[in-house]
Amino acid sequence: MRLDFIKMHGAGNDYIYVVCLEKDVENPENIAKKLSKRRFSIGADGLVLVCSSKIADAKMRIFNADGSEAKMCGNALRCVGKLLYEDKIVKKSHIKIETPSGIRTVFVTVKDKKVGLVTADMGYATTGESFDFRVEDKKYEMLGVNVGNEHQVTFCENVDALALDRIGWYFEKNPRFEGGVNTEFCTVLSKKYLKIRVFERGSGETLACGTGACAAVVAAQEMGLCERSVPIRVSMLGGEVIVFCDSERRIFLTGDANESFRGTVEV
C-alpha cells in the first residue's frame, strides 16, 4: 500500500501524519512501528491519523513508536490544527478535534496564510496520589497528573544530569501502572520557568511532550513551586511551550507547529 504522509513536529516532538478522511488506514499499530524507526524508515515518535468525525471538525488517533495507541498528545493536537487549516480542510481559526480523551479546541494564529503559534485547550487536569519510587538506590517522589493521559512527575535539582536512557524504563514499566506510564523529570528554574525531560510510554525519551509539560506545571503548582493562573514557560530538549492553568485547572498549551516535509511511502 502506498501511503501519503506529512512529517510534522512541535518543539521537536515529531510524528508522521496521515490524512484519512475518506477511508481508514488498516493496521495502524504495525504501520506506526515500521515507519517510526529512526535508522530504517521515516523516523518519528509515532503515527497520527487525521480521520473524519461526526461530532467535531476532525478526529485524531495517536500511535506510539511501539504501536500502542495513546489517548492524548498536546504537540500532535496543535500540529493537526495547523494541518487542517493550511490544507483548507477546515476554514476557521478555531478547530474542534475529537480525541480518545474527548473533544479539544485548537486556536491557530495566522499570518500571510501560514499558521504560526497554536494554542490547544487541553481540558481539565486531575491529580492523583503521590508515592515514593526507588531506582538504583535513589528515591524519587512521584505525583500523578492526568491531562487526558496519565503522567507521573518528579522533581530534581539538575534534570540534565539524569541518565534517562538507563533509568527511564524503570519508571515506564513500574508495575503500579498497567500498560506503562509517561514520566516527567522536572527542575524548577523560577516560579514561572520549568525545565523538563520526558520519558514517554511506548517511545522512550522524546525531545518534547505537550501533555508532559502541562502535567509538570500542574504538579509544580500543586507543590507550591510555581505561581498559579499565570503563563509558565516550560523548556524541553527540543524547544519551549507556554502552559497556562487557570484556577479550575483548565489548561491551555501554546507553542509552535512545524511541517518538515511531505512524501509517499510503501507499507
C-alpha atoms as a PDB file:
ATOM      1  CA  MET A   1       0.000   0.000   0.000  1.00  0.00           C
ATOM      2  CA  ARG A   2       1.290   3.469  -0.910  1.00  0.00           C
ATOM      3  CA  LEU A   3       0.711   5.940   1.892  1.00  0.00           C
ATOM      4  CA  ASP A   4       0.913   9.724   1.572  1.00  0.00           C
ATOM      5  CA  PHE A   5       2.242  11.340   4.738  1.00  0.00           C
ATOM      6  CA  ILE A   6       3.279  14.650   6.272  1.00  0.00           C
ATOM      7  CA  LYS A   7       6.172  14.827   8.743  1.00  0.00           C
ATOM      8  CA  MET A   8       5.492  17.478  11.407  1.00  0.00           C
ATOM      9  CA  HIS A   9       6.799  18.419  14.827  1.00  0.00           C
ATOM     10  CA  GLY A  10       6.059  20.664  17.777  1.00  0.00           C
ATOM     11  CA  ALA A  11       9.186  21.593  19.781  1.00  0.00           C
ATOM     12  CA  GLY A  12      10.922  18.575  18.262  1.00  0.00           C
ATOM     13  CA  ASN A  13       8.164  16.117  19.185  1.00  0.00           C
ATOM     14  CA  ASP A  14       7.800  14.600  15.704  1.00  0.00           C
ATOM     15  CA  TYR A  15       5.074  12.426  14.243  1.00  0.00           C
ATOM     16  CA  ILE A  16       4.098  11.046  10.861  1.00  0.00           C
ATOM     17  CA  TYR A  17       0.680  12.446   9.935  1.00  0.00           C
ATOM     18  CA  VAL A  18      -1.661  10.638   7.559  1.00  0.00           C
ATOM     19  CA  VAL A  19      -4.895  12.271   6.401  1.00  0.00           C
ATOM     20  CA  CYS A  20      -7.522   9.555   6.015  1.00  0.00           C
ATOM     21  CA  LEU A  21     -10.797  11.448   5.941  1.00  0.00           C
ATOM     22  CA  GLU A  22     -12.390   9.257   3.274  1.00  0.00           C
ATOM     23  CA  LYS A  23     -11.123   5.781   4.173  1.00  0.00           C
ATOM     24  CA  ASP A  24      -9.492   4.073   7.131  1.00  0.00           C
ATOM     25  CA  VAL A  25      -5.849   3.044   7.329  1.00  0.00           C
ATOM     26  CA  GLU A  26      -5.660  -0.657   8.082  1.00  0.00           C
ATOM     27  CA  ASN A  27      -3.400  -1.965  10.833  1.00  0.00           C
ATOM     28  CA  PRO A  28      -2.081   1.421  12.057  1.00  0.00           C
ATOM     29  CA  GLU A  29      -0.336  -0.258  15.010  1.00  0.00           C
ATOM     30  CA  ASN A  30       2.127  -2.113  12.764  1.00  0.00           C
ATOM     31  CA  ILE A  31       2.488   0.859  10.412  1.00  0.00           C
ATOM     32  CA  ALA A  32       3.476   3.021  13.387  1.00  0.00           C
ATOM     33  CA  LYS A  33       6.136   0.531  14.481  1.00  0.00           C
ATOM     34  CA  LYS A  34       7.545   0.203  10.974  1.00  0.00           C
ATOM     35  CA  LEU A  35       7.615   3.877   9.982  1.00  0.00           C
ATOM     36  CA  SER A  36       8.821   5.241  13.337  1.00  0.00           C
ATOM     37  CA  LYS A  37      12.209   3.507  13.177  1.00  0.00           C
ATOM     38  CA  ARG A  38      14.866   6.226  13.134  1.00  0.00           C
ATOM     39  CA  ARG A  39      17.545   4.454  11.098  1.00  0.00           C
ATOM     40  CA  PHE A  40      15.475   2.146   8.927  1.00  0.00           C
ATOM     41  CA  SER A  41      12.421   4.197   7.955  1.00  0.00           C
ATOM     42  CA  ILE A  42      10.991   7.723   8.123  1.00  0.00           C
ATOM     43  CA  GLY A  43      11.688   8.048  11.842  1.00  0.00           C
ATOM     44  CA  ALA A  44       9.297   9.596  14.375  1.00  0.00           C
ATOM     45  CA  ASP A  45       7.888   9.407  17.876  1.00  0.00           C
ATOM     46  CA  GLY A  46       4.821   7.794  16.349  1.00  0.00           C
ATOM     47  CA  LEU A  47       1.975   7.948  13.838  1.00  0.00           C
ATOM     48  CA  VAL A  48      -1.038  10.290  13.839  1.00  0.00           C
ATOM     49  CA  LEU A  49      -4.147   9.593  11.788  1.00  0.00           C
ATOM     50  CA  VAL A  50      -6.376  12.528  10.859  1.00  0.00           C
ATOM     51  CA  CYS A  51      -9.821  11.000  10.373  1.00  0.00           C
ATOM     52  CA  SER A  52     -13.367  12.180   9.776  1.00  0.00           C
ATOM     53  CA  SER A  53     -15.607  12.836  12.770  1.00  0.00           C
ATOM     54  CA  LYS A  54     -19.359  13.073  13.264  1.00  0.00           C
ATOM     55  CA  ILE A  55     -19.021  15.267  16.355  1.00  0.00           C
ATOM     56  CA  ALA A  56     -16.075  17.572  15.545  1.00  0.00           C
ATOM     57  CA  ASP A  57     -14.201  19.060  12.586  1.00  0.00           C
ATOM     58  CA  ALA A  58     -11.856  16.051  12.525  1.00  0.00           C
ATOM     59  CA  LYS A  59     -10.708  13.124  14.648  1.00  0.00           C
ATOM     60  CA  MET A  60      -7.151  12.405  15.789  1.00  0.00           C
ATOM     61  CA  ARG A  61      -5.731   8.980  16.616  1.00  0.00           C
ATOM     62  CA  ILE A  62      -2.193   8.678  18.010  1.00  0.00           C
ATOM     63  CA  PHE A  63       0.010   5.578  17.894  1.00  0.00           C
ATOM     64  CA  ASN A  64       3.316   5.467  19.758  1.00  0.00           C
ATOM     65  CA  ALA A  65       6.506   4.159  18.203  1.00  0.00           C
ATOM     66  CA  ASP A  66       5.840   0.730  19.745  1.00  0.00           C
ATOM     67  CA  GLY A  67       2.376   0.574  18.139  1.00  0.00           C
ATOM     68  CA  SER A  68       0.358   1.218  21.286  1.00  0.00           C
ATOM     69  CA  GLU A  69      -2.445   3.758  20.981  1.00  0.00           C
ATOM     70  CA  ALA A  70      -2.283   6.927  23.083  1.00  0.00           C
ATOM     71  CA  LYS A  71      -5.218   8.867  24.482  1.00  0.00           C
ATOM     72  CA  MET A  72      -3.768  12.364  24.005  1.00  0.00           C
ATOM     73  CA  CYS A  73      -0.763  14.254  22.645  1.00  0.00           C
ATOM     74  CA  GLY A  74      -0.643  18.028  23.040  1.00  0.00           C
ATOM     75  CA  ASN A  75       2.014  18.679  20.409  1.00  0.00           C
ATOM     76  CA  ALA A  76       0.279  16.443  17.872  1.00  0.00           C
ATOM     77  CA  LEU A  77      -3.024  18.165  18.630  1.00  0.00           C
ATOM     78  CA  ARG A  78      -1.515  21.539  17.723  1.00  0.00           C
ATOM     79  CA  CYS A  79       0.078  20.130  14.554  1.00  0.00           C
ATOM     80  CA  VAL A  80      -3.239  18.639  13.446  1.00  0.00           C
ATOM     81  CA  GLY A  81      -4.792  22.089  13.846  1.00  0.00           C
ATOM     82  CA  LYS A  82      -2.116  23.599  11.593  1.00  0.00           C
ATOM     83  CA  LEU A  83      -2.547  20.830   9.015  1.00  0.00           C
ATOM     84  CA  LEU A  84      -6.329  21.164   8.896  1.00  0.00           C
ATOM     85  CA  TYR A  85      -6.154  24.942   8.440  1.00  0.00           C
ATOM     86  CA  GLU A  86      -3.285  25.195   5.955  1.00  0.00           C
ATOM     87  CA  ASP A  87      -4.623  22.351   3.797  1.00  0.00           C
ATOM     88  CA  LYS A  88      -8.020  24.119   3.777  1.00  0.00           C
ATOM     89  CA  ILE A  89      -9.769  21.121   5.293  1.00  0.00           C
ATOM     90  CA  VAL A  90     -11.181  23.423   7.966  1.00  0.00           C
ATOM     91  CA  LYS A  91     -11.591  27.086   7.075  1.00  0.00           C
ATOM     92  CA  LYS A  92     -11.707  28.719  10.507  1.00  0.00           C
ATOM     93  CA  SER A  93      -9.149  29.646  13.132  1.00  0.00           C
ATOM     94  CA  HIS A  94     -10.781  27.697  15.982  1.00  0.00           C
ATOM     95  CA  ILE A  95     -10.941  23.993  15.237  1.00  0.00           C
ATOM     96  CA  LYS A  96     -12.634  21.221  17.185  1.00  0.00           C
ATOM     97  CA  ILE A  97     -10.760  17.921  17.190  1.00  0.00           C
ATOM     98  CA  GLU A  98     -12.121  14.641  18.520  1.00  0.00           C
ATOM     99  CA  THR A  99      -9.605  12.593  20.541  1.00  0.00           C
ATOM    100  CA  PRO A 100      -9.848   9.450  22.683  1.00  0.00           C
ATOM    101  CA  SER A 101      -9.909  11.831  25.677  1.00  0.00           C
ATOM    102  CA  GLY A 102     -12.772  13.932  24.327  1.00  0.00           C
ATOM    103  CA  ILE A 103     -13.203  16.938  22.035  1.00  0.00           C
ATOM    104  CA  ARG A 104     -10.460  19.561  22.216  1.00  0.00           C
ATOM    105  CA  THR A 105     -10.463  23.031  20.656  1.00  0.00           C
ATOM    106  CA  VAL A 106      -7.368  24.353  18.885  1.00  0.00           C
ATOM    107  CA  PHE A 107      -6.820  28.042  18.090  1.00  0.00           C
ATOM    108  CA  VAL A 108      -4.411  28.882  15.254  1.00  0.00           C
ATOM    109  CA  THR A 109      -2.590  32.188  14.804  1.00  0.00           C
ATOM    110  CA  VAL A 110      -2.360  33.015  11.087  1.00  0.00           C
ATOM    111  CA  LYS A 111      -0.035  35.397   9.264  1.00  0.00           C
ATOM    112  CA  ASP A 112       0.233  35.537   5.450  1.00  0.00           C
ATOM    113  CA  LYS A 113      -1.977  32.419   5.281  1.00  0.00           C
ATOM    114  CA  LYS A 114       0.527  30.428   7.348  1.00  0.00           C
ATOM    115  CA  VAL A 115      -0.040  29.139  10.865  1.00  0.00           C
ATOM    116  CA  GLY A 116       2.481  30.252  13.474  1.00  0.00           C
ATOM    117  CA  LEU A 117       1.764  29.624  17.140  1.00  0.00           C
ATOM    118  CA  VAL A 118      -1.060  27.271  18.036  1.00  0.00           C
ATOM    119  CA  THR A 119      -2.948  27.137  21.332  1.00  0.00           C
ATOM    120  CA  ALA A 120      -4.770  23.994  22.412  1.00  0.00           C
ATOM    121  CA  ASP A 121      -7.452  23.874  25.079  1.00  0.00           C
ATOM    122  CA  MET A 122      -6.286  20.713  26.857  1.00  0.00           C
ATOM    123  CA  GLY A 123      -9.276  20.451  29.178  1.00  0.00           C
ATOM    124  CA  TYR A 124      -9.064  19.930  32.925  1.00  0.00           C
ATOM    125  CA  ALA A 125      -6.267  18.293  34.891  1.00  0.00           C
ATOM    126  CA  THR A 126      -6.679  15.982  37.860  1.00  0.00           C
ATOM    127  CA  THR A 127      -4.028  14.935  40.355  1.00  0.00           C
ATOM    128  CA  GLY A 128      -3.658  11.527  41.929  1.00  0.00           C
ATOM    129  CA  GLU A 129      -1.789  10.088  44.861  1.00  0.00           C
ATOM    130  CA  SER A 130       1.885  10.729  45.465  1.00  0.00           C
ATOM    131  CA  PHE A 131       4.261   7.876  46.228  1.00  0.00           C
ATOM    132  CA  ASP A 132       7.968   7.166  46.570  1.00  0.00           C
ATOM    133  CA  PHE A 133       9.767   5.096  43.953  1.00  0.00           C
ATOM    134  CA  ARG A 134      13.336   3.871  44.363  1.00  0.00           C
ATOM    135  CA  VAL A 135      15.607   3.321  41.357  1.00  0.00           C
ATOM    136  CA  GLU A 136      19.304   2.420  41.702  1.00  0.00           C
ATOM    137  CA  ASP A 137      19.294   3.322  45.421  1.00  0.00           C
ATOM    138  CA  LYS A 138      17.841   6.777  44.748  1.00  0.00           C
ATOM    139  CA  LYS A 139      14.388   7.778  45.945  1.00  0.00           C
ATOM    140  CA  TYR A 140      12.029   9.687  43.647  1.00  0.00           C
ATOM    141  CA  GLU A 141       8.837  11.280  44.939  1.00  0.00           C
ATOM    142  CA  MET A 142       6.189  10.889  42.244  1.00  0.00           C
ATOM    143  CA  LEU A 143       2.937  12.804  41.783  1.00  0.00           C
ATOM    144  CA  GLY A 144       0.300  11.563  39.359  1.00  0.00           C
ATOM    145  CA  VAL A 145      -1.347  14.043  36.990  1.00  0.00           C
ATOM    146  CA  ASN A 146      -3.941  13.224  34.344  1.00  0.00           C
ATOM    147  CA  VAL A 147      -4.248  15.659  31.420  1.00  0.00           C
ATOM    148  CA  GLY A 148      -6.097  13.358  29.042  1.00  0.00           C
ATOM    149  CA  ASN A 149      -3.433  10.721  29.530  1.00  0.00           C
ATOM    150  CA  GLU A 150      -1.637   9.623  32.669  1.00  0.00           C
ATOM    151  CA  HIS A 151       1.674  11.127  33.815  1.00  0.00           C
ATOM    152  CA  GLN A 152       3.938  10.816  36.823  1.00  0.00           C
ATOM    153  CA  VAL A 153       6.013  13.894  37.724  1.00  0.00           C
ATOM    154  CA  THR A 154       9.130  14.044  39.880  1.00  0.00           C
ATOM    155  CA  PHE A 155      11.393  16.978  40.749  1.00  0.00           C
ATOM    156  CA  CYS A 156      15.184  17.050  40.848  1.00  0.00           C
ATOM    157  CA  GLU A 157      17.944  19.628  41.189  1.00  0.00           C
ATOM    158  CA  ASN A 158      19.580  19.031  37.800  1.00  0.00           C
ATOM    159  CA  VAL A 159      17.457  17.343  35.165  1.00  0.00           C
ATOM    160  CA  ASP A 160      20.347  17.446  32.672  1.00  0.00           C
ATOM    161  CA  ALA A 161      22.411  15.092  34.821  1.00  0.00           C
ATOM    162  CA  LEU A 162      19.910  12.228  34.706  1.00  0.00           C
ATOM    163  CA  ALA A 163      20.843   9.099  32.739  1.00  0.00           C
ATOM    164  CA  LEU A 164      17.343   8.628  31.358  1.00  0.00           C
ATOM    165  CA  ASP A 165      18.474   6.153  28.726  1.00  0.00           C
ATOM    166  CA  ARG A 166      19.357   3.835  31.614  1.00  0.00           C
ATOM    167  CA  ILE A 167      16.767   4.561  34.296  1.00  0.00           C
ATOM    168  CA  GLY A 168      13.743   5.691  32.264  1.00  0.00           C
ATOM    169  CA  TRP A 169      12.449   2.198  31.639  1.00  0.00           C
ATOM    170  CA  TYR A 170      12.122   1.549  35.383  1.00  0.00           C
ATOM    171  CA  PHE A 171       9.564   4.348  35.544  1.00  0.00           C
ATOM    172  CA  GLU A 172       7.662   3.458  32.375  1.00  0.00           C
ATOM    173  CA  LYS A 173       7.373  -0.220  33.352  1.00  0.00           C
ATOM    174  CA  ASN A 174       6.510   0.431  37.001  1.00  0.00           C
ATOM    175  CA  PRO A 175       4.137  -2.417  37.962  1.00  0.00           C
ATOM    176  CA  ARG A 176       1.786   0.120  39.565  1.00  0.00           C
ATOM    177  CA  PHE A 177       0.729   1.172  36.053  1.00  0.00           C
ATOM    178  CA  GLU A 178      -0.696  -1.466  33.764  1.00  0.00           C
ATOM    179  CA  GLY A 179       0.434  -0.708  30.220  1.00  0.00           C
ATOM    180  CA  GLY A 180       3.124   1.770  31.311  1.00  0.00           C
ATOM    181  CA  VAL A 181       3.126   5.460  32.177  1.00  0.00           C
ATOM    182  CA  ASN A 182       4.635   8.742  30.958  1.00  0.00           C
ATOM    183  CA  THR A 183       7.175  10.289  33.339  1.00  0.00           C
ATOM    184  CA  GLU A 184       8.376  13.893  33.638  1.00  0.00           C
ATOM    185  CA  PHE A 185      11.624  14.812  35.386  1.00  0.00           C
ATOM    186  CA  CYS A 186      11.463  18.482  36.302  1.00  0.00           C
ATOM    187  CA  THR A 187      13.830  21.192  37.552  1.00  0.00           C
ATOM    188  CA  VAL A 188      12.263  24.432  38.798  1.00  0.00           C
ATOM    189  CA  LEU A 189      14.316  27.365  37.498  1.00  0.00           C
ATOM    190  CA  SER A 190      11.918  30.024  38.783  1.00  0.00           C
ATOM    191  CA  LYS A 191       8.273  30.450  39.778  1.00  0.00           C
ATOM    192  CA  LYS A 192       7.446  30.935  36.085  1.00  0.00           C
ATOM    193  CA  TYR A 193      10.047  28.717  34.388  1.00  0.00           C
ATOM    194  CA  LEU A 194      10.465  24.928  34.394  1.00  0.00           C
ATOM    195  CA  LYS A 195      12.899  22.646  32.621  1.00  0.00           C
ATOM    196  CA  ILE A 196      11.834  19.060  31.988  1.00  0.00           C
ATOM    197  CA  ARG A 197      12.874  15.844  30.354  1.00  0.00           C
ATOM    198  CA  VAL A 198      10.253  13.306  29.355  1.00  0.00           C
ATOM    199  CA  PHE A 199      10.252   9.531  29.134  1.00  0.00           C
ATOM    200  CA  GLU A 200       7.120   8.615  27.210  1.00  0.00           C
ATOM    201  CA  ARG A 201       5.224   5.376  27.317  1.00  0.00           C
ATOM    202  CA  GLY A 202       5.968   3.458  24.142  1.00  0.00           C
ATOM    203  CA  SER A 203       8.533   5.908  22.749  1.00  0.00           C
ATOM    204  CA  GLY A 204      11.290   6.360  25.349  1.00  0.00           C
ATOM    205  CA  GLU A 205      12.835   9.788  25.874  1.00  0.00           C
ATOM    206  CA  THR A 206      11.446  12.354  23.446  1.00  0.00           C
ATOM    207  CA  LEU A 207      12.579  15.876  22.634  1.00  0.00           C
ATOM    208  CA  ALA A 208       9.288  17.293  23.888  1.00  0.00           C
ATOM    209  CA  CYS A 209       5.875  16.325  25.200  1.00  0.00           C
ATOM    210  CA  GLY A 210       2.941  18.736  25.317  1.00  0.00           C
ATOM    211  CA  THR A 211       0.878  16.826  27.852  1.00  0.00           C
ATOM    212  CA  GLY A 212       4.055  16.240  29.848  1.00  0.00           C
ATOM    213  CA  ALA A 213       4.698  19.979  30.021  1.00  0.00           C
ATOM    214  CA  CYS A 214       1.117  20.512  31.224  1.00  0.00           C
ATOM    215  CA  ALA A 215       1.486  17.778  33.845  1.00  0.00           C
ATOM    216  CA  ALA A 216       4.750  19.276  35.130  1.00  0.00           C
ATOM    217  CA  VAL A 217       3.137  22.698  35.571  1.00  0.00           C
ATOM    218  CA  VAL A 218       0.141  21.266  37.412  1.00  0.00           C
ATOM    219  CA  ALA A 219       2.434  19.252  39.712  1.00  0.00           C
ATOM    220  CA  ALA A 220       4.682  22.272  40.394  1.00  0.00           C
ATOM    221  CA  GLN A 221       1.672  24.420  41.248  1.00  0.00           C
ATOM    222  CA  GLU A 222       0.248  21.691  43.467  1.00  0.00           C
ATOM    223  CA  MET A 223       3.520  21.619  45.439  1.00  0.00           C
ATOM    224  CA  GLY A 224       3.782  25.412  45.662  1.00  0.00           C
ATOM    225  CA  LEU A 225       6.815  25.579  43.363  1.00  0.00           C
ATOM    226  CA  CYS A 226       5.122  27.628  40.598  1.00  0.00           C
ATOM    227  CA  GLU A 227       2.756  30.568  40.508  1.00  0.00           C
ATOM    228  CA  ARG A 228      -0.872  29.868  39.726  1.00  0.00           C
ATOM    229  CA  SER A 229      -3.038  31.378  36.960  1.00  0.00           C
ATOM    230  CA  VAL A 230      -0.053  32.868  35.101  1.00  0.00           C
ATOM    231  CA  PRO A 231       1.704  31.637  31.923  1.00  0.00           C
ATOM    232  CA  ILE A 232       4.512  29.198  32.760  1.00  0.00           C
ATOM    233  CA  ARG A 233       7.425  28.710  30.382  1.00  0.00           C
ATOM    234  CA  VAL A 234       8.471  25.065  30.005  1.00  0.00           C
ATOM    235  CA  SER A 235      11.811  24.233  28.381  1.00  0.00           C
ATOM    236  CA  MET A 236      12.434  20.801  26.861  1.00  0.00           C
ATOM    237  CA  LEU A 237      15.232  19.272  24.799  1.00  0.00           C
ATOM    238  CA  GLY A 238      13.576  20.261  21.504  1.00  0.00           C
ATOM    239  CA  GLY A 239      12.167  23.672  22.361  1.00  0.00           C
ATOM    240  CA  GLU A 240       9.741  25.510  24.605  1.00  0.00           C
ATOM    241  CA  VAL A 241       5.999  25.772  25.186  1.00  0.00           C
ATOM    242  CA  ILE A 242       3.841  28.029  27.340  1.00  0.00           C
ATOM    243  CA  VAL A 243       1.341  26.444  29.729  1.00  0.00           C
ATOM    244  CA  PHE A 244      -1.478  28.397  31.353  1.00  0.00           C
ATOM    245  CA  CYS A 245      -3.517  26.661  34.036  1.00  0.00           C
ATOM    246  CA  ASP A 246      -6.440  28.606  35.465  1.00  0.00           C
ATOM    247  CA  SER A 247      -7.872  28.404  38.975  1.00  0.00           C
ATOM    248  CA  GLU A 248     -10.073  25.458  37.973  1.00  0.00           C
ATOM    249  CA  ARG A 249      -7.134  23.554  36.438  1.00  0.00           C
ATOM    250  CA  ARG A 250      -8.229  24.112  32.880  1.00  0.00           C
ATOM    251  CA  ILE A 251      -5.070  24.065  30.779  1.00  0.00           C
ATOM    252  CA  PHE A 252      -4.090  25.935  27.628  1.00  0.00           C
ATOM    253  CA  LEU A 253      -0.944  24.844  25.786  1.00  0.00           C
ATOM    254  CA  THR A 254       0.749  27.247  23.351  1.00  0.00           C
ATOM    255  CA  GLY A 255       3.695  26.532  21.087  1.00  0.00           C
ATOM    256  CA  ASP A 256       4.977  26.119  17.567  1.00  0.00           C
ATOM    257  CA  ALA A 257       3.743  23.655  14.953  1.00  0.00           C
ATOM    258  CA  ASN A 258       6.075  22.880  12.063  1.00  0.00           C
ATOM    259  CA  GLU A 259       5.884  20.941   8.827  1.00  0.00           C
ATOM    260  CA  SER A 260       9.166  19.242   7.925  1.00  0.00           C
ATOM    261  CA  PHE A 261       8.321  17.544   4.619  1.00  0.00           C
ATOM    262  CA  ARG A 262       5.764  15.502   2.691  1.00  0.00           C
ATOM    263  CA  GLY A 263       6.192  12.221   0.912  1.00  0.00           C
ATOM    264  CA  THR A 264       4.863   8.822  -0.055  1.00  0.00           C
ATOM    265  CA  VAL A 265       5.953   5.519   1.425  1.00  0.00           C
ATOM    266  CA  GLU A 266       5.146   1.882   0.690  1.00  0.00           C
ATOM    267  CA  VAL A 267       3.938  -0.177   3.647  1.00  0.00           C
END
